[in-house]
Amino acid sequence: MKNVINLGDLSGLPTFAPPKHSGTLNHRLAHSGNGATQLAIWHGTLEPGGEAEEHVHEKMDQAFYVIGGQCRFWLDGEEHRLAQGGFVFVPMGAPHRILASGADALKLLVIIAPPPEENPAGPK
């Protein structure tokens, strides 16, 4: 169990690629396995051109903070361009999509509440 993590060394952390995502790898930073009960935090990497197709989460809110790279982010059908330091809050039920649009990988901090591990519906 790792509760103190250096984002420069994500080795050994649980990884996954969500459905409807391409060129994407997420590392679980805070999750039920290390004691998180009210939220989940992921470090996400999208390779250039990688994307999360438009989707909706009916049972959870999400927040995205851009650590590095660039993206086009659609929220409720409106396109936004984000780079390092950009932030988006996606309330439950809001359609959203992400496309890594820069020459370098897009790096995101993703915060989800309630955590999908504790949500029987999971991400939709």
C-alpha atoms as a PDB file:
ATOM      1  CA  MET A   1       0.000   0.000   0.000  1.00  0.00           C
ATOM      2  CA  LYS A   2       1.460   3.361  -1.099  1.00  0.00           C
ATOM      3  CA  ASN A   3       0.026   6.483   0.503  1.00  0.00           C
ATOM      4  CA  VAL A   4       2.970   8.766  -0.266  1.00  0.00           C
ATOM      5  CA  ILE A   5       3.690   8.903  -3.991  1.00  0.00           C
ATOM      6  CA  ASN A   6       6.156  10.811  -6.141  1.00  0.00           C
ATOM      7  CA  LEU A   7       4.516  11.383  -9.535  1.00  0.00           C
ATOM      8  CA  GLY A   8       7.971  10.893 -11.066  1.00  0.00           C
ATOM      9  CA  ASP A   9       7.860   7.241  -9.973  1.00  0.00           C
ATOM     10  CA  LEU A  10       4.515   5.575 -10.589  1.00  0.00           C
ATOM     11  CA  SER A  11       5.959   2.067 -10.784  1.00  0.00           C
ATOM     12  CA  GLY A  12       4.176  -0.526  -8.724  1.00  0.00           C
ATOM     13  CA  LEU A  13       0.851   1.323  -8.675  1.00  0.00           C
ATOM     14  CA  PRO A  14      -2.319  -0.345  -9.988  1.00  0.00           C
ATOM     15  CA  THR A  15      -2.994   0.615 -13.623  1.00  0.00           C
ATOM     16  CA  PHE A  16      -5.981   0.379 -15.931  1.00  0.00           C
ATOM     17  CA  ALA A  17      -7.396   1.713 -19.188  1.00  0.00           C
ATOM     18  CA  PRO A  18     -11.079   2.657 -18.913  1.00  0.00           C
ATOM     19  CA  PRO A  19     -13.636   1.555 -21.502  1.00  0.00           C
ATOM     20  CA  LYS A  20     -14.157   3.947 -24.437  1.00  0.00           C
ATOM     21  CA  HIS A  21     -10.620   5.325 -23.960  1.00  0.00           C
ATOM     22  CA  SER A  22      -7.769   4.851 -26.447  1.00  0.00           C
ATOM     23  CA  GLY A  23      -4.066   5.577 -25.933  1.00  0.00           C
ATOM     24  CA  THR A  24      -4.797   5.968 -22.219  1.00  0.00           C
ATOM     25  CA  LEU A  25      -3.203   4.550 -19.081  1.00  0.00           C
ATOM     26  CA  ASN A  26      -4.313   5.471 -15.561  1.00  0.00           C
ATOM     27  CA  HIS A  27      -2.507   4.866 -12.275  1.00  0.00           C
ATOM     28  CA  ARG A  28      -4.597   4.673  -9.111  1.00  0.00           C
ATOM     29  CA  LEU A  29      -3.144   7.064  -6.514  1.00  0.00           C
ATOM     30  CA  ALA A  30      -5.954   7.073  -3.929  1.00  0.00           C
ATOM     31  CA  HIS A  31      -8.373   4.144  -3.975  1.00  0.00           C
ATOM     32  CA  SER A  32     -10.079   1.641  -1.703  1.00  0.00           C
ATOM     33  CA  GLY A  33      -6.886  -0.446  -1.626  1.00  0.00           C
ATOM     34  CA  ASN A  34      -4.993   2.273   0.244  1.00  0.00           C
ATOM     35  CA  GLY A  35      -7.839   3.444   2.445  1.00  0.00           C
ATOM     36  CA  ALA A  36      -9.732   6.029   0.359  1.00  0.00           C
ATOM     37  CA  THR A  37     -13.454   5.810   1.051  1.00  0.00           C
ATOM     38  CA  GLN A  38     -14.966   9.055  -0.268  1.00  0.00           C
ATOM     39  CA  LEU A  39     -12.974   9.752  -3.429  1.00  0.00           C
ATOM     40  CA  ALA A  40     -10.531   8.283  -5.914  1.00  0.00           C
ATOM     41  CA  ILE A  41      -7.538  10.047  -7.449  1.00  0.00           C
ATOM     42  CA  TRP A  42      -5.861   8.855 -10.630  1.00  0.00           C
ATOM     43  CA  HIS A  43      -2.848   9.959 -12.634  1.00  0.00           C
ATOM     44  CA  GLY A  44      -3.867   9.675 -16.281  1.00  0.00           C
ATOM     45  CA  THR A  45      -1.652   9.665 -19.360  1.00  0.00           C
ATOM     46  CA  LEU A  46      -3.050  10.035 -22.867  1.00  0.00           C
ATOM     47  CA  GLU A  47      -0.589   9.578 -25.701  1.00  0.00           C
ATOM     48  CA  PRO A  48      -0.762  12.197 -28.493  1.00  0.00           C
ATOM     49  CA  GLY A  49      -4.046  11.569 -30.299  1.00  0.00           C
ATOM     50  CA  GLY A  50      -5.340   9.441 -27.407  1.00  0.00           C
ATOM     51  CA  GLU A  51      -8.869  10.119 -26.315  1.00  0.00           C
ATOM     52  CA  ALA A  52     -11.742   9.445 -24.014  1.00  0.00           C
ATOM     53  CA  GLU A  53     -14.821   9.198 -26.208  1.00  0.00           C
ATOM     54  CA  GLU A  54     -17.858  11.191 -25.146  1.00  0.00           C
ATOM     55  CA  HIS A  55     -19.433   9.581 -22.113  1.00  0.00           C
ATOM     56  CA  VAL A  56     -21.451  10.352 -18.994  1.00  0.00           C
ATOM     57  CA  HIS A  57     -21.080   9.324 -15.356  1.00  0.00           C
ATOM     58  CA  GLU A  58     -24.523   9.150 -13.766  1.00  0.00           C
ATOM     59  CA  LYS A  59     -23.312   8.495 -10.218  1.00  0.00           C
ATOM     60  CA  MET A  60     -20.109  10.509  -9.773  1.00  0.00           C
ATOM     61  CA  ASP A  61     -18.469  13.901 -10.213  1.00  0.00           C
ATOM     62  CA  GLN A  62     -15.041  14.221 -11.836  1.00  0.00           C
ATOM     63  CA  ALA A  63     -12.395  16.926 -11.800  1.00  0.00           C
ATOM     64  CA  PHE A  64      -9.391  17.110 -14.125  1.00  0.00           C
ATOM     65  CA  TYR A  65      -6.171  19.081 -13.574  1.00  0.00           C
ATOM     66  CA  VAL A  66      -3.682  19.240 -16.453  1.00  0.00           C
ATOM     67  CA  ILE A  67      -0.181  18.439 -15.197  1.00  0.00           C
ATOM     68  CA  GLY A  68       1.415  18.542 -18.653  1.00  0.00           C
ATOM     69  CA  GLY A  69       0.579  18.467 -22.340  1.00  0.00           C
ATOM     70  CA  GLN A  70      -2.399  19.906 -24.175  1.00  0.00           C
ATOM     71  CA  CYS A  71      -5.932  18.756 -24.840  1.00  0.00           C
ATOM     72  CA  ARG A  72      -9.255  19.594 -26.315  1.00  0.00           C
ATOM     73  CA  PHE A  73     -11.951  19.011 -23.714  1.00  0.00           C
ATOM     74  CA  TRP A  74     -15.652  18.955 -24.526  1.00  0.00           C
ATOM     75  CA  LEU A  75     -18.081  19.563 -21.674  1.00  0.00           C
ATOM     76  CA  ASP A  76     -21.812  19.613 -22.421  1.00  0.00           C
ATOM     77  CA  GLY A  77     -20.967  19.898 -26.133  1.00  0.00           C
ATOM     78  CA  GLU A  78     -18.768  23.000 -25.722  1.00  0.00           C
ATOM     79  CA  GLU A  79     -15.090  22.687 -26.694  1.00  0.00           C
ATOM     80  CA  HIS A  80     -12.309  24.059 -24.487  1.00  0.00           C
ATOM     81  CA  ARG A  81      -8.545  24.020 -25.065  1.00  0.00           C
ATOM     82  CA  LEU A  82      -6.439  23.279 -22.017  1.00  0.00           C
ATOM     83  CA  ALA A  83      -2.731  23.164 -21.243  1.00  0.00           C
ATOM     84  CA  GLN A  84      -0.618  22.807 -18.105  1.00  0.00           C
ATOM     85  CA  GLY A  85      -2.482  24.318 -15.164  1.00  0.00           C
ATOM     86  CA  GLY A  86      -5.916  23.936 -16.795  1.00  0.00           C
ATOM     87  CA  PHE A  87      -8.798  22.626 -14.704  1.00  0.00           C
ATOM     88  CA  VAL A  88     -12.256  21.232 -15.505  1.00  0.00           C
ATOM     89  CA  PHE A  89     -15.013  20.162 -13.137  1.00  0.00           C
ATOM     90  CA  VAL A  90     -17.496  17.677 -14.637  1.00  0.00           C
ATOM     91  CA  PRO A  91     -20.668  17.299 -12.576  1.00  0.00           C
ATOM     92  CA  MET A  92     -22.418  13.947 -12.621  1.00  0.00           C
ATOM     93  CA  GLY A  93     -24.585  13.525 -15.680  1.00  0.00           C
ATOM     94  CA  ALA A  94     -22.585  15.942 -17.871  1.00  0.00           C
ATOM     95  CA  PRO A  95     -21.380  14.562 -21.223  1.00  0.00           C
ATOM     96  CA  HIS A  96     -17.639  15.023 -21.685  1.00  0.00           C
ATOM     97  CA  ARG A  97     -14.825  14.011 -24.027  1.00  0.00           C
ATOM     98  CA  ILE A  98     -11.038  14.496 -24.001  1.00  0.00           C
ATOM     99  CA  LEU A  99      -8.567  14.458 -26.899  1.00  0.00           C
ATOM    100  CA  ALA A 100      -4.795  14.748 -26.320  1.00  0.00           C
ATOM    101  CA  SER A 101      -4.007  17.389 -28.937  1.00  0.00           C
ATOM    102  CA  GLY A 102      -0.352  18.249 -28.352  1.00  0.00           C
ATOM    103  CA  ALA A 103       2.895  16.720 -29.573  1.00  0.00           C
ATOM    104  CA  ASP A 104       3.606  15.372 -26.074  1.00  0.00           C
ATOM    105  CA  ALA A 105       1.569  13.052 -23.865  1.00  0.00           C
ATOM    106  CA  LEU A 106      -1.236  14.620 -21.868  1.00  0.00           C
ATOM    107  CA  LYS A 107      -0.807  14.125 -18.108  1.00  0.00           C
ATOM    108  CA  LEU A 108      -3.843  14.579 -15.873  1.00  0.00           C
ATOM    109  CA  LEU A 109      -4.730  14.388 -12.227  1.00  0.00           C
ATOM    110  CA  VAL A 110      -8.279  12.984 -12.090  1.00  0.00           C
ATOM    111  CA  ILE A 111     -10.415  13.226  -8.948  1.00  0.00           C
ATOM    112  CA  ILE A 112     -13.632  11.206  -8.711  1.00  0.00           C
ATOM    113  CA  ALA A 113     -16.302  11.265  -6.005  1.00  0.00           C
ATOM    114  CA  PRO A 114     -17.716   8.977  -4.936  1.00  0.00           C
ATOM    115  CA  PRO A 115     -14.981   6.553  -5.947  1.00  0.00           C
ATOM    116  CA  PRO A 116     -15.929   4.115  -8.702  1.00  0.00           C
ATOM    117  CA  GLU A 117     -14.671   1.184  -6.590  1.00  0.00           C
ATOM    118  CA  GLU A 118     -17.435   1.988  -4.106  1.00  0.00           C
ATOM    119  CA  ASN A 119     -20.044   2.705  -6.773  1.00  0.00           C
ATOM    120  CA  PRO A 120     -21.763  -0.452  -8.079  1.00  0.00           C
ATOM    121  CA  ALA A 121     -22.689   1.341 -11.314  1.00  0.00           C
ATOM    122  CA  GLY A 122     -19.029   2.174 -11.949  1.00  0.00           C
ATOM    123  CA  PRO A 123     -18.015   4.587 -14.692  1.00  0.00           C
ATOM    124  CA  LYS A 124     -20.489   4.782 -17.579  1.00  0.00           C
END
